[in-house]
Amino acid sequence: MGLDDKIKNAAENIAGKAKEAAGKATNNERLEAEGQADQTKAHTKQAGENVKDAFK
């Protein structure tokens, strides 16, 4: 996994956490769910990159 990919995934995860926190703070369930989805997406990408790295 390249450093760029790691940074992008970390940034997406952090953005998801921020979005989830904002949703909780404003009692906005849709925003909270979007944040959780963004985090899941980032974790999935990270796992895929880890699998690719394992076969190098």
Protein backbone atom coordinates (compact mmCIF):
# COMPACT_ATOMS: atom_id res chain seq x y z
CA MET A 1 0.00 0.00 0.00
CA GLY A 2 1.32 3.36 -0.93
CA LEU A 3 1.65 6.16 1.53
CA ASP A 4 -0.89 8.18 -0.48
CA ASP A 5 -3.49 5.44 -0.05
CA LYS A 6 -2.86 5.21 3.68
CA ILE A 7 -3.27 8.97 4.04
CA LYS A 8 -6.46 9.01 1.96
CA ASN A 9 -7.98 6.16 3.95
CA ALA A 10 -7.06 7.79 7.26
CA ALA A 11 -8.51 11.12 6.11
CA GLU A 12 -11.73 9.43 4.99
CA ASN A 13 -11.99 7.65 8.34
CA ILE A 14 -11.43 10.89 10.27
CA ALA A 15 -13.98 12.71 8.13
CA GLY A 16 -16.46 9.93 8.81
CA LYS A 17 -15.88 10.19 12.55
CA ALA A 18 -16.38 13.95 12.40
CA LYS A 19 -19.57 13.56 10.38
CA GLU A 20 -20.88 10.93 12.81
CA ALA A 21 -20.08 13.17 15.80
CA ALA A 22 -21.80 16.13 14.15
CA GLY A 23 -24.85 13.97 13.50
CA LYS A 24 -24.97 12.88 17.13
CA ALA A 25 -24.51 16.44 18.38
CA THR A 26 -27.32 17.78 16.20
CA ASN A 27 -29.54 14.71 16.57
CA ASN A 28 -29.33 14.21 12.80
CA GLU A 29 -29.61 10.46 12.21
CA ARG A 30 -28.92 10.73 8.47
CA LEU A 31 -25.65 12.59 9.01
CA GLU A 32 -24.64 10.14 11.72
CA ALA A 33 -25.34 7.20 9.39
CA GLU A 34 -23.36 8.84 6.58
CA GLY A 35 -20.41 9.21 8.94
CA GLN A 36 -20.60 5.56 9.91
CA ALA A 37 -20.79 4.57 6.24
CA ASP A 38 -17.73 6.69 5.41
CA GLN A 39 -15.80 4.99 8.20
CA THR A 40 -16.84 1.54 6.97
CA LYS A 41 -15.78 2.45 3.45
CA ALA A 42 -12.36 3.59 4.68
CA HIS A 43 -11.89 0.43 6.74
CA THR A 44 -12.88 -1.74 3.77
CA LYS A 45 -10.37 0.01 1.51
CA GLN A 46 -7.70 -0.40 4.17
CA ALA A 47 -8.42 -4.13 4.46
CA GLY A 48 -8.24 -4.54 0.68
CA GLU A 49 -4.90 -2.78 0.54
CA ASN A 50 -3.60 -4.96 3.37
CA VAL A 51 -4.57 -8.08 1.41
CA LYS A 52 -2.77 -6.77 -1.67
CA ASP A 53 0.31 -6.03 0.45
CA ALA A 54 0.28 -9.56 1.85
CA PHE A 55 0.72 -11.00 -1.64
CA LYS A 56 3.66 -8.80 -2.60
